[in-house]
Amino acid sequence: MSGWNTIESDAGVFTYLVENLGVKNVQFEEIIDLSPDYLKAIAPVYGVIFLFKYVSAKPDEEVDGSYDFDAAESIFFANQTIQNACATQAILSVLLNKNMEAGGDIHIGESLSEFREFTQAFPADLRGEALSNSELIRDVHNSFARSNPFIDENTRAATEEDDVYHFIAYTPINGVLYELDGLQAAPISHGECTDEDFPEKVIPVLQRRIGRYPITEIRFNLLALIQDPRLRAAEIGDEETVRREADKRDAWQWENALRRHNFVGFAHEVLKDVIRLKVKEGTYEQWIEGAKQEMGKRIEERKAQGKGDYED
């Protein structure tokens, strides 16, 4: 059985990932303004997915919020049991608690509905195992990983000196704002919260988490799961928004296709054809010499700008 590959925190990746799992009428949007008004402008917001640099908690560090062990049995919460699955696990933590069968508004499709029903009576650790062993979910997840033409036989586990990133979810469920993190023992409650209150309640929680890091740390990413904007635009006859969102989707599909493609072979064939042409024209040596001179100029320019040197 193949493992789980790393995928990007990207609105286009996440949107088409959930569509390929059978989810309908939702979309992910990157949040560039950490304010309640920004979230309200794109409502309804079903939840947010937060990416951050993972730092192990100190032994005496208190959790922000409170563990709700009872909720782990009544809502979908799964422990993360395998590396690189946290992005999709965070996404499912929102979807499987907002599906129509659970009283939400999202149609998650037959496959995810069956998965939720199958794992409903499981404890959190077995739910995590079931998720990790789901061929459908894993295959869809891996289909959005960047193509890597190089196989590193020296792959190793991350150490404390490596930068490791982690995805978690925030979503309101049954009138409570929950932080759903597969590396935690249980869902973390951040107090009462309705769907309407979510923008106001989640922003301070996110700000506190970001505040744990040095002010120079900027490697965060926040994506909101929202209703497909084309639905509302079509209802009110907003053709411009429908067209703009359709163009955005087309661009996402193109970018996702590029992610899957290995361009090394293509670049190699192009280079061979260029060399063959230069040799045929009798300009190969001149072309190489010109390239060397151009590189020499760039090196001198970098030296002049105090940007260092290249090895020859």
C-alpha atoms as a PDB file:
ATOM      1  CA  MET A   1       0.000   0.000   0.000  1.00  0.00           C
ATOM      2  CA  SER A   2       1.390   3.391  -0.984  1.00  0.00           C
ATOM      3  CA  GLY A   3       1.774   6.150   1.590  1.00  0.00           C
ATOM      4  CA  TRP A   4       0.425   9.670   1.823  1.00  0.00           C
ATOM      5  CA  ASN A   5       2.210  12.459  -0.038  1.00  0.00           C
ATOM      6  CA  THR A   6       2.444  16.117   0.947  1.00  0.00           C
ATOM      7  CA  ILE A   7      -0.071  18.448  -0.713  1.00  0.00           C
ATOM      8  CA  GLU A   8      -0.112  22.237  -0.822  1.00  0.00           C
ATOM      9  CA  SER A   9      -2.322  24.485   1.241  1.00  0.00           C
ATOM     10  CA  ASP A  10      -4.072  25.952  -1.783  1.00  0.00           C
ATOM     11  CA  ALA A  11      -7.692  26.870  -2.440  1.00  0.00           C
ATOM     12  CA  GLY A  12      -7.716  25.236  -5.885  1.00  0.00           C
ATOM     13  CA  VAL A  13      -6.163  22.029  -4.584  1.00  0.00           C
ATOM     14  CA  PHE A  14      -8.592  21.715  -1.678  1.00  0.00           C
ATOM     15  CA  THR A  15     -11.663  22.634  -3.766  1.00  0.00           C
ATOM     16  CA  TYR A  16     -11.054  19.982  -6.401  1.00  0.00           C
ATOM     17  CA  LEU A  17      -9.880  17.451  -3.820  1.00  0.00           C
ATOM     18  CA  VAL A  18     -13.263  17.527  -2.069  1.00  0.00           C
ATOM     19  CA  GLU A  19     -15.116  17.549  -5.395  1.00  0.00           C
ATOM     20  CA  ASN A  20     -13.252  14.405  -6.411  1.00  0.00           C
ATOM     21  CA  LEU A  21     -14.403  12.842  -3.141  1.00  0.00           C
ATOM     22  CA  GLY A  22     -17.999  13.547  -4.136  1.00  0.00           C
ATOM     23  CA  VAL A  23     -18.683  16.758  -2.191  1.00  0.00           C
ATOM     24  CA  LYS A  24     -20.961  19.266  -3.932  1.00  0.00           C
ATOM     25  CA  ASN A  25     -21.490  23.027  -3.897  1.00  0.00           C
ATOM     26  CA  VAL A  26     -18.542  24.106  -1.736  1.00  0.00           C
ATOM     27  CA  GLN A  27     -15.331  26.004  -2.368  1.00  0.00           C
ATOM     28  CA  PHE A  28     -12.211  27.015  -0.482  1.00  0.00           C
ATOM     29  CA  GLU A  29     -11.076  30.623  -0.298  1.00  0.00           C
ATOM     30  CA  GLU A  30      -7.759  31.926   1.010  1.00  0.00           C
ATOM     31  CA  ILE A  31      -8.197  34.382   3.877  1.00  0.00           C
ATOM     32  CA  ILE A  32      -5.875  37.358   3.451  1.00  0.00           C
ATOM     33  CA  ASP A  33      -7.440  39.617   6.077  1.00  0.00           C
ATOM     34  CA  LEU A  34      -7.719  38.291   9.624  1.00  0.00           C
ATOM     35  CA  SER A  35     -10.874  40.188  10.502  1.00  0.00           C
ATOM     36  CA  PRO A  36     -14.473  39.085  11.200  1.00  0.00           C
ATOM     37  CA  ASP A  37     -15.795  41.379   8.459  1.00  0.00           C
ATOM     38  CA  TYR A  38     -13.734  39.570   5.845  1.00  0.00           C
ATOM     39  CA  LEU A  39     -15.248  36.219   6.838  1.00  0.00           C
ATOM     40  CA  LYS A  40     -18.739  37.703   6.985  1.00  0.00           C
ATOM     41  CA  ALA A  41     -18.353  38.960   3.415  1.00  0.00           C
ATOM     42  CA  ILE A  42     -17.906  35.406   2.117  1.00  0.00           C
ATOM     43  CA  ALA A  43     -20.528  33.762   4.366  1.00  0.00           C
ATOM     44  CA  PRO A  44     -21.726  31.114   4.838  1.00  0.00           C
ATOM     45  CA  VAL A  45     -18.397  29.884   6.216  1.00  0.00           C
ATOM     46  CA  TYR A  46     -18.553  26.250   7.312  1.00  0.00           C
ATOM     47  CA  GLY A  47     -15.102  26.219   8.896  1.00  0.00           C
ATOM     48  CA  VAL A  48     -11.491  27.208   8.385  1.00  0.00           C
ATOM     49  CA  ILE A  49      -8.326  25.190   7.799  1.00  0.00           C
ATOM     50  CA  PHE A  50      -5.223  26.645   9.443  1.00  0.00           C
ATOM     51  CA  LEU A  51      -1.656  25.765   8.439  1.00  0.00           C
ATOM     52  CA  PHE A  52       1.191  26.630  10.794  1.00  0.00           C
ATOM     53  CA  LYS A  53       4.687  25.606  11.760  1.00  0.00           C
ATOM     54  CA  TYR A  54       4.356  22.809  14.283  1.00  0.00           C
ATOM     55  CA  VAL A  55       6.153  23.303  17.585  1.00  0.00           C
ATOM     56  CA  SER A  56       5.913  20.690  20.323  1.00  0.00           C
ATOM     57  CA  ALA A  57       4.063  21.973  23.361  1.00  0.00           C
ATOM     58  CA  LYS A  58       6.051  22.540  26.525  1.00  0.00           C
ATOM     59  CA  PRO A  59       5.195  20.235  29.469  1.00  0.00           C
ATOM     60  CA  ASP A  60       3.758  23.114  31.502  1.00  0.00           C
ATOM     61  CA  GLU A  61       2.013  24.865  28.618  1.00  0.00           C
ATOM     62  CA  GLU A  62      -1.759  25.131  29.040  1.00  0.00           C
ATOM     63  CA  VAL A  63      -4.037  24.396  26.111  1.00  0.00           C
ATOM     64  CA  ASP A  64      -5.996  27.354  24.735  1.00  0.00           C
ATOM     65  CA  GLY A  65      -9.566  26.243  25.340  1.00  0.00           C
ATOM     66  CA  SER A  66     -10.626  23.032  27.047  1.00  0.00           C
ATOM     67  CA  TYR A  67     -10.660  19.387  25.994  1.00  0.00           C
ATOM     68  CA  ASP A  68     -14.148  18.033  25.354  1.00  0.00           C
ATOM     69  CA  PHE A  69     -13.774  14.252  25.622  1.00  0.00           C
ATOM     70  CA  ASP A  70     -17.523  13.668  25.479  1.00  0.00           C
ATOM     71  CA  ALA A  71     -17.716  15.448  22.122  1.00  0.00           C
ATOM     72  CA  ALA A  72     -15.184  13.041  20.628  1.00  0.00           C
ATOM     73  CA  GLU A  73     -17.900  10.380  20.774  1.00  0.00           C
ATOM     74  CA  SER A  74     -20.740  12.466  19.331  1.00  0.00           C
ATOM     75  CA  ILE A  75     -18.993  14.364  16.514  1.00  0.00           C
ATOM     76  CA  PHE A  76     -16.477  13.266  13.902  1.00  0.00           C
ATOM     77  CA  PHE A  77     -13.021  13.530  15.442  1.00  0.00           C
ATOM     78  CA  ALA A  78     -10.069  11.356  14.407  1.00  0.00           C
ATOM     79  CA  ASN A  79      -6.547  11.083  15.720  1.00  0.00           C
ATOM     80  CA  GLN A  80      -3.819  11.500  13.114  1.00  0.00           C
ATOM     81  CA  THR A  81      -2.025   8.181  12.796  1.00  0.00           C
ATOM     82  CA  ILE A  82       0.081   8.704   9.678  1.00  0.00           C
ATOM     83  CA  GLN A  83       2.382  11.427   8.349  1.00  0.00           C
ATOM     84  CA  ASN A  84       1.285  13.830   5.572  1.00  0.00           C
ATOM     85  CA  ALA A  85      -2.445  13.097   6.004  1.00  0.00           C
ATOM     86  CA  CYS A  86      -3.217  16.125   8.197  1.00  0.00           C
ATOM     87  CA  ALA A  87      -4.408  18.398   5.362  1.00  0.00           C
ATOM     88  CA  THR A  88      -7.126  16.036   4.196  1.00  0.00           C
ATOM     89  CA  GLN A  89      -7.899  15.041   7.779  1.00  0.00           C
ATOM     90  CA  ALA A  90      -8.498  18.690   8.719  1.00  0.00           C
ATOM     91  CA  ILE A  91     -10.753  19.126   5.687  1.00  0.00           C
ATOM     92  CA  LEU A  92     -12.765  16.040   6.588  1.00  0.00           C
ATOM     93  CA  SER A  93     -13.052  17.288  10.166  1.00  0.00           C
ATOM     94  CA  VAL A  94     -15.201  20.116   8.826  1.00  0.00           C
ATOM     95  CA  LEU A  95     -17.040  18.230   6.081  1.00  0.00           C
ATOM     96  CA  LEU A  96     -18.055  15.231   8.178  1.00  0.00           C
ATOM     97  CA  ASN A  97     -19.469  17.498  10.884  1.00  0.00           C
ATOM     98  CA  LYS A  98     -21.342  19.742   8.447  1.00  0.00           C
ATOM     99  CA  ASN A  99     -22.942  17.110   6.246  1.00  0.00           C
ATOM    100  CA  MET A 100     -26.691  16.935   5.846  1.00  0.00           C
ATOM    101  CA  GLU A 101     -26.942  13.668   7.772  1.00  0.00           C
ATOM    102  CA  ALA A 102     -25.375  15.442  10.783  1.00  0.00           C
ATOM    103  CA  GLY A 103     -27.773  18.374  10.495  1.00  0.00           C
ATOM    104  CA  GLY A 104     -25.484  20.553   8.364  1.00  0.00           C
ATOM    105  CA  ASP A 105     -25.810  22.041   4.900  1.00  0.00           C
ATOM    106  CA  ILE A 106     -23.141  20.179   2.913  1.00  0.00           C
ATOM    107  CA  HIS A 107     -23.852  17.275   0.583  1.00  0.00           C
ATOM    108  CA  ILE A 108     -20.736  15.130   1.069  1.00  0.00           C
ATOM    109  CA  GLY A 109     -21.656  12.398  -1.390  1.00  0.00           C
ATOM    110  CA  GLU A 110     -22.141   8.667  -1.085  1.00  0.00           C
ATOM    111  CA  SER A 111     -18.529   7.623  -0.422  1.00  0.00           C
ATOM    112  CA  LEU A 112     -17.879  10.013   2.467  1.00  0.00           C
ATOM    113  CA  SER A 113     -21.348   9.365   3.898  1.00  0.00           C
ATOM    114  CA  GLU A 114     -20.579   5.659   3.980  1.00  0.00           C
ATOM    115  CA  PHE A 115     -17.186   6.338   5.572  1.00  0.00           C
ATOM    116  CA  ARG A 116     -18.755   8.513   8.280  1.00  0.00           C
ATOM    117  CA  GLU A 117     -21.423   5.922   9.021  1.00  0.00           C
ATOM    118  CA  PHE A 118     -18.836   3.116   9.112  1.00  0.00           C
ATOM    119  CA  THR A 119     -16.593   4.957  11.596  1.00  0.00           C
ATOM    120  CA  GLN A 120     -19.312   6.590  13.703  1.00  0.00           C
ATOM    121  CA  ALA A 121     -19.014   4.113  16.592  1.00  0.00           C
ATOM    122  CA  PHE A 122     -15.196   4.016  16.515  1.00  0.00           C
ATOM    123  CA  PRO A 123     -12.975   5.740  19.088  1.00  0.00           C
ATOM    124  CA  ALA A 124     -10.799   8.555  17.745  1.00  0.00           C
ATOM    125  CA  ASP A 125      -7.705   6.406  17.232  1.00  0.00           C
ATOM    126  CA  LEU A 126      -9.558   3.794  15.163  1.00  0.00           C
ATOM    127  CA  ARG A 127     -11.209   6.533  13.120  1.00  0.00           C
ATOM    128  CA  GLY A 128      -7.728   7.807  12.327  1.00  0.00           C
ATOM    129  CA  GLU A 129      -6.625   4.321  11.301  1.00  0.00           C
ATOM    130  CA  ALA A 130      -9.709   3.920   9.115  1.00  0.00           C
ATOM    131  CA  LEU A 131      -9.035   7.255   7.434  1.00  0.00           C
ATOM    132  CA  SER A 132      -5.366   6.425   6.848  1.00  0.00           C
ATOM    133  CA  ASN A 133      -6.318   3.059   5.333  1.00  0.00           C
ATOM    134  CA  SER A 134      -9.047   4.396   3.049  1.00  0.00           C
ATOM    135  CA  GLU A 135      -7.795   3.791  -0.498  1.00  0.00           C
ATOM    136  CA  LEU A 136     -10.310   6.230  -1.981  1.00  0.00           C
ATOM    137  CA  ILE A 137      -9.379   9.121   0.297  1.00  0.00           C
ATOM    138  CA  ARG A 138      -5.652   8.404   0.044  1.00  0.00           C
ATOM    139  CA  ASP A 139      -5.697   8.103  -3.751  1.00  0.00           C
ATOM    140  CA  VAL A 140      -7.630  11.359  -4.189  1.00  0.00           C
ATOM    141  CA  HIS A 141      -5.298  13.096  -1.717  1.00  0.00           C
ATOM    142  CA  ASN A 142      -2.174  11.832  -3.508  1.00  0.00           C
ATOM    143  CA  SER A 143      -3.519  12.853  -6.913  1.00  0.00           C
ATOM    144  CA  PHE A 144      -2.929  16.486  -5.901  1.00  0.00           C
ATOM    145  CA  ALA A 145       0.681  16.017  -4.779  1.00  0.00           C
ATOM    146  CA  ARG A 146       3.381  17.666  -6.853  1.00  0.00           C
ATOM    147  CA  SER A 147       5.173  15.321  -9.228  1.00  0.00           C
ATOM    148  CA  ASN A 148       8.689  14.499  -8.014  1.00  0.00           C
ATOM    149  CA  PRO A 149      10.950  12.976 -10.681  1.00  0.00           C
ATOM    150  CA  PHE A 150      13.738  12.268  -8.190  1.00  0.00           C
ATOM    151  CA  ILE A 151      13.612   9.369  -5.734  1.00  0.00           C
ATOM    152  CA  ASP A 152      15.581   9.983  -2.563  1.00  0.00           C
ATOM    153  CA  GLU A 153      16.707   6.677  -1.116  1.00  0.00           C
ATOM    154  CA  ASN A 154      17.907   8.484   1.989  1.00  0.00           C
ATOM    155  CA  THR A 155      14.469   9.702   3.086  1.00  0.00           C
ATOM    156  CA  ARG A 156      14.458  10.177   6.847  1.00  0.00           C
ATOM    157  CA  ALA A 157      12.063  11.139   9.575  1.00  0.00           C
ATOM    158  CA  ALA A 158      11.882  14.806  10.540  1.00  0.00           C
ATOM    159  CA  THR A 159      13.970  15.920  13.502  1.00  0.00           C
ATOM    160  CA  GLU A 160      13.559  18.800  15.961  1.00  0.00           C
ATOM    161  CA  GLU A 161      15.758  20.918  13.704  1.00  0.00           C
ATOM    162  CA  ASP A 162      13.469  20.518  10.683  1.00  0.00           C
ATOM    163  CA  ASP A 163      10.547  22.825   9.898  1.00  0.00           C
ATOM    164  CA  VAL A 164       7.381  20.733  10.147  1.00  0.00           C
ATOM    165  CA  TYR A 165       3.955  22.122   9.271  1.00  0.00           C
ATOM    166  CA  HIS A 166       0.552  21.007  10.446  1.00  0.00           C
ATOM    167  CA  PHE A 167      -3.107  21.534   9.460  1.00  0.00           C
ATOM    168  CA  ILE A 168      -5.991  21.861  11.907  1.00  0.00           C
ATOM    169  CA  ALA A 169      -9.639  22.815  11.572  1.00  0.00           C
ATOM    170  CA  TYR A 170     -11.959  25.238  13.373  1.00  0.00           C
ATOM    171  CA  THR A 171     -15.706  24.863  12.958  1.00  0.00           C
ATOM    172  CA  PRO A 172     -18.903  25.475  14.953  1.00  0.00           C
ATOM    173  CA  ILE A 173     -20.720  22.235  15.868  1.00  0.00           C
ATOM    174  CA  ASN A 174     -23.872  21.974  17.985  1.00  0.00           C
ATOM    175  CA  GLY A 175     -23.458  25.539  19.230  1.00  0.00           C
ATOM    176  CA  VAL A 176     -19.778  25.185  20.201  1.00  0.00           C
ATOM    177  CA  LEU A 177     -16.612  26.411  18.464  1.00  0.00           C
ATOM    178  CA  TYR A 178     -14.304  23.428  18.185  1.00  0.00           C
ATOM    179  CA  GLU A 179     -10.640  23.159  17.310  1.00  0.00           C
ATOM    180  CA  LEU A 180     -10.149  19.774  15.633  1.00  0.00           C
ATOM    181  CA  ASP A 181      -6.521  18.703  15.695  1.00  0.00           C
ATOM    182  CA  GLY A 182      -5.681  15.063  15.061  1.00  0.00           C
ATOM    183  CA  LEU A 183      -2.558  15.346  17.206  1.00  0.00           C
ATOM    184  CA  GLN A 184      -4.608  16.278  20.279  1.00  0.00           C
ATOM    185  CA  ALA A 185      -6.366  13.857  22.614  1.00  0.00           C
ATOM    186  CA  ALA A 186      -9.845  15.254  21.964  1.00  0.00           C
ATOM    187  CA  PRO A 187     -11.695  18.166  20.342  1.00  0.00           C
ATOM    188  CA  ILE A 188     -10.839  21.479  21.988  1.00  0.00           C
ATOM    189  CA  SER A 189     -13.793  23.673  22.910  1.00  0.00           C
ATOM    190  CA  HIS A 190     -13.478  27.452  22.586  1.00  0.00           C
ATOM    191  CA  GLY A 191     -16.903  28.216  23.990  1.00  0.00           C
ATOM    192  CA  GLU A 192     -20.373  28.819  22.667  1.00  0.00           C
ATOM    193  CA  CYS A 193     -20.631  29.664  18.988  1.00  0.00           C
ATOM    194  CA  THR A 194     -23.392  29.593  16.395  1.00  0.00           C
ATOM    195  CA  ASP A 195     -22.824  29.524  12.646  1.00  0.00           C
ATOM    196  CA  GLU A 196     -23.625  33.236  12.560  1.00  0.00           C
ATOM    197  CA  ASP A 197     -21.182  33.981  15.409  1.00  0.00           C
ATOM    198  CA  PHE A 198     -18.339  32.007  13.844  1.00  0.00           C
ATOM    199  CA  PRO A 199     -16.516  34.938  12.161  1.00  0.00           C
ATOM    200  CA  GLU A 200     -16.523  36.922  15.417  1.00  0.00           C
ATOM    201  CA  LYS A 201     -15.521  33.972  17.609  1.00  0.00           C
ATOM    202  CA  VAL A 202     -12.834  32.248  15.529  1.00  0.00           C
ATOM    203  CA  ILE A 203     -10.683  35.305  14.731  1.00  0.00           C
ATOM    204  CA  PRO A 204      -9.535  35.917  18.371  1.00  0.00           C
ATOM    205  CA  VAL A 205      -8.694  32.206  18.698  1.00  0.00           C
ATOM    206  CA  LEU A 206      -6.557  32.347  15.557  1.00  0.00           C
ATOM    207  CA  GLN A 207      -4.887  35.551  16.711  1.00  0.00           C
ATOM    208  CA  ARG A 208      -3.950  33.964  20.029  1.00  0.00           C
ATOM    209  CA  ARG A 209      -2.426  30.965  18.281  1.00  0.00           C
ATOM    210  CA  ILE A 210      -0.424  33.172  15.921  1.00  0.00           C
ATOM    211  CA  GLY A 211       0.617  35.239  18.933  1.00  0.00           C
ATOM    212  CA  ARG A 212       2.505  32.239  20.345  1.00  0.00           C
ATOM    213  CA  TYR A 213       5.124  32.657  17.635  1.00  0.00           C
ATOM    214  CA  PRO A 214       7.877  35.277  17.266  1.00  0.00           C
ATOM    215  CA  ILE A 215       6.726  38.406  15.469  1.00  0.00           C
ATOM    216  CA  THR A 216       9.078  37.509  12.592  1.00  0.00           C
ATOM    217  CA  GLU A 217       7.213  34.247  11.893  1.00  0.00           C
ATOM    218  CA  ILE A 218       4.915  34.765   8.897  1.00  0.00           C
ATOM    219  CA  ARG A 219       4.547  31.212   7.585  1.00  0.00           C
ATOM    220  CA  PHE A 220       0.832  30.750   8.172  1.00  0.00           C
ATOM    221  CA  ASN A 221      -2.002  29.989   5.784  1.00  0.00           C
ATOM    222  CA  LEU A 222      -5.734  30.143   6.366  1.00  0.00           C
ATOM    223  CA  LEU A 223      -8.405  28.737   4.050  1.00  0.00           C
ATOM    224  CA  ALA A 224     -12.148  29.013   4.566  1.00  0.00           C
ATOM    225  CA  LEU A 225     -14.642  26.384   3.438  1.00  0.00           C
ATOM    226  CA  ILE A 226     -17.600  28.272   1.997  1.00  0.00           C
ATOM    227  CA  GLN A 227     -20.611  27.724  -0.198  1.00  0.00           C
ATOM    228  CA  ASP A 228     -19.792  27.782  -3.913  1.00  0.00           C
ATOM    229  CA  PRO A 229     -20.214  31.524  -4.739  1.00  0.00           C
ATOM    230  CA  ARG A 230     -21.685  30.647  -8.135  1.00  0.00           C
ATOM    231  CA  LEU A 231     -24.866  29.353  -6.474  1.00  0.00           C
ATOM    232  CA  ARG A 232     -25.814  32.634  -4.837  1.00  0.00           C
ATOM    233  CA  ALA A 233     -24.670  34.649  -7.858  1.00  0.00           C
ATOM    234  CA  ALA A 234     -26.864  32.581 -10.170  1.00  0.00           C
ATOM    235  CA  GLU A 235     -29.861  33.029  -7.851  1.00  0.00           C
ATOM    236  CA  ILE A 236     -29.641  36.820  -7.992  1.00  0.00           C
ATOM    237  CA  GLY A 237     -28.636  37.014 -11.663  1.00  0.00           C
ATOM    238  CA  ASP A 238     -25.078  38.227 -10.998  1.00  0.00           C
ATOM    239  CA  GLU A 239     -23.577  37.049 -14.286  1.00  0.00           C
ATOM    240  CA  GLU A 240     -20.274  38.846 -13.693  1.00  0.00           C
ATOM    241  CA  THR A 241     -19.584  36.887 -10.496  1.00  0.00           C
ATOM    242  CA  VAL A 242     -20.630  33.621 -12.155  1.00  0.00           C
ATOM    243  CA  ARG A 243     -18.216  34.306 -15.015  1.00  0.00           C
ATOM    244  CA  ARG A 244     -15.394  35.400 -12.683  1.00  0.00           C
ATOM    245  CA  GLU A 245     -15.753  32.336 -10.478  1.00  0.00           C
ATOM    246  CA  ALA A 246     -15.893  30.058 -13.528  1.00  0.00           C
ATOM    247  CA  ASP A 247     -12.646  31.609 -14.794  1.00  0.00           C
ATOM    248  CA  LYS A 248     -11.088  31.055 -11.364  1.00  0.00           C
ATOM    249  CA  ARG A 249     -12.067  27.392 -11.476  1.00  0.00           C
ATOM    250  CA  ASP A 250     -10.566  27.020 -14.949  1.00  0.00           C
ATOM    251  CA  ALA A 251      -7.301  28.528 -13.694  1.00  0.00           C
ATOM    252  CA  TRP A 252      -7.296  26.162 -10.700  1.00  0.00           C
ATOM    253  CA  GLN A 253      -7.771  23.152 -12.965  1.00  0.00           C
ATOM    254  CA  TRP A 254      -4.839  24.283 -15.116  1.00  0.00           C
ATOM    255  CA  GLU A 255      -2.618  24.780 -12.055  1.00  0.00           C
ATOM    256  CA  ASN A 256      -3.603  21.370 -10.667  1.00  0.00           C
ATOM    257  CA  ALA A 257      -2.731  19.746 -13.984  1.00  0.00           C
ATOM    258  CA  LEU A 258       0.700  21.403 -13.920  1.00  0.00           C
ATOM    259  CA  ARG A 259       1.295  20.146 -10.375  1.00  0.00           C
ATOM    260  CA  ARG A 260       0.823  16.556 -11.500  1.00  0.00           C
ATOM    261  CA  HIS A 261       3.127  16.832 -14.506  1.00  0.00           C
ATOM    262  CA  ASN A 262       6.821  15.939 -14.510  1.00  0.00           C
ATOM    263  CA  PHE A 263       8.579  18.504 -16.724  1.00  0.00           C
ATOM    264  CA  VAL A 264      12.115  17.089 -16.411  1.00  0.00           C
ATOM    265  CA  GLY A 265      11.798  14.855 -19.470  1.00  0.00           C
ATOM    266  CA  PHE A 266      10.222  17.676 -21.467  1.00  0.00           C
ATOM    267  CA  ALA A 267      13.023  20.107 -20.550  1.00  0.00           C
ATOM    268  CA  HIS A 268      15.641  17.471 -21.435  1.00  0.00           C
ATOM    269  CA  GLU A 269      14.154  16.901 -24.894  1.00  0.00           C
ATOM    270  CA  VAL A 270      13.925  20.651 -25.565  1.00  0.00           C
ATOM    271  CA  LEU A 271      17.580  21.109 -24.572  1.00  0.00           C
ATOM    272  CA  LYS A 272      18.650  18.246 -26.845  1.00  0.00           C
ATOM    273  CA  ASP A 273      16.778  19.782 -29.785  1.00  0.00           C
ATOM    274  CA  VAL A 274      18.351  23.205 -29.147  1.00  0.00           C
ATOM    275  CA  ILE A 275      21.847  21.676 -29.009  1.00  0.00           C
ATOM    276  CA  ARG A 276      21.181  19.667 -32.165  1.00  0.00           C
ATOM    277  CA  LEU A 277      20.060  22.851 -33.944  1.00  0.00           C
ATOM    278  CA  LYS A 278      23.095  24.860 -32.784  1.00  0.00           C
ATOM    279  CA  VAL A 279      25.471  22.093 -33.927  1.00  0.00           C
ATOM    280  CA  LYS A 280      23.738  21.930 -37.316  1.00  0.00           C
ATOM    281  CA  GLU A 281      24.024  25.710 -37.719  1.00  0.00           C
ATOM    282  CA  GLY A 282      27.686  25.610 -36.666  1.00  0.00           C
ATOM    283  CA  THR A 283      27.034  28.078 -33.826  1.00  0.00           C
ATOM    284  CA  TYR A 284      27.298  25.708 -30.860  1.00  0.00           C
ATOM    285  CA  GLU A 285      30.692  26.927 -29.583  1.00  0.00           C
ATOM    286  CA  GLN A 286      29.663  30.563 -30.027  1.00  0.00           C
ATOM    287  CA  TRP A 287      26.394  29.874 -28.166  1.00  0.00           C
ATOM    288  CA  ILE A 288      28.248  28.270 -25.238  1.00  0.00           C
ATOM    289  CA  GLU A 289      30.775  31.100 -25.071  1.00  0.00           C
ATOM    290  CA  GLY A 290      27.990  33.677 -25.090  1.00  0.00           C
ATOM    291  CA  ALA A 291      26.267  31.880 -22.223  1.00  0.00           C
ATOM    292  CA  LYS A 292      29.508  31.888 -20.214  1.00  0.00           C
ATOM    293  CA  GLN A 293      29.956  35.610 -20.776  1.00  0.00           C
ATOM    294  CA  GLU A 294      26.369  36.310 -19.751  1.00  0.00           C
ATOM    295  CA  MET A 295      26.824  34.297 -16.560  1.00  0.00           C
ATOM    296  CA  GLY A 296      30.068  36.189 -15.862  1.00  0.00           C
ATOM    297  CA  LYS A 297      28.190  39.492 -16.133  1.00  0.00           C
ATOM    298  CA  ARG A 298      25.527  38.292 -13.695  1.00  0.00           C
ATOM    299  CA  ILE A 299      28.168  37.193 -11.202  1.00  0.00           C
ATOM    300  CA  GLU A 300      29.883  40.583 -11.361  1.00  0.00           C
ATOM    301  CA  GLU A 301      26.523  42.347 -10.936  1.00  0.00           C
ATOM    302  CA  ARG A 302      25.767  40.289  -7.845  1.00  0.00           C
ATOM    303  CA  LYS A 303      29.194  41.036  -6.419  1.00  0.00           C
ATOM    304  CA  ALA A 304      28.627  44.739  -6.988  1.00  0.00           C
ATOM    305  CA  GLN A 305      25.275  44.486  -5.188  1.00  0.00           C
ATOM    306  CA  GLY A 306      26.874  42.578  -2.296  1.00  0.00           C
ATOM    307  CA  LYS A 307      24.789  39.467  -2.941  1.00  0.00           C
ATOM    308  CA  GLY A 308      27.665  37.012  -2.960  1.00  0.00           C
ATOM    309  CA  ASP A 309      29.122  34.782  -5.634  1.00  0.00           C
ATOM    310  CA  TYR A 310      28.359  31.563  -7.440  1.00  0.00           C
ATOM    311  CA  GLU A 311      30.683  28.590  -7.706  1.00  0.00           C
ATOM    312  CA  ASP A 312      32.163  28.242 -11.175  1.00  0.00           C
END
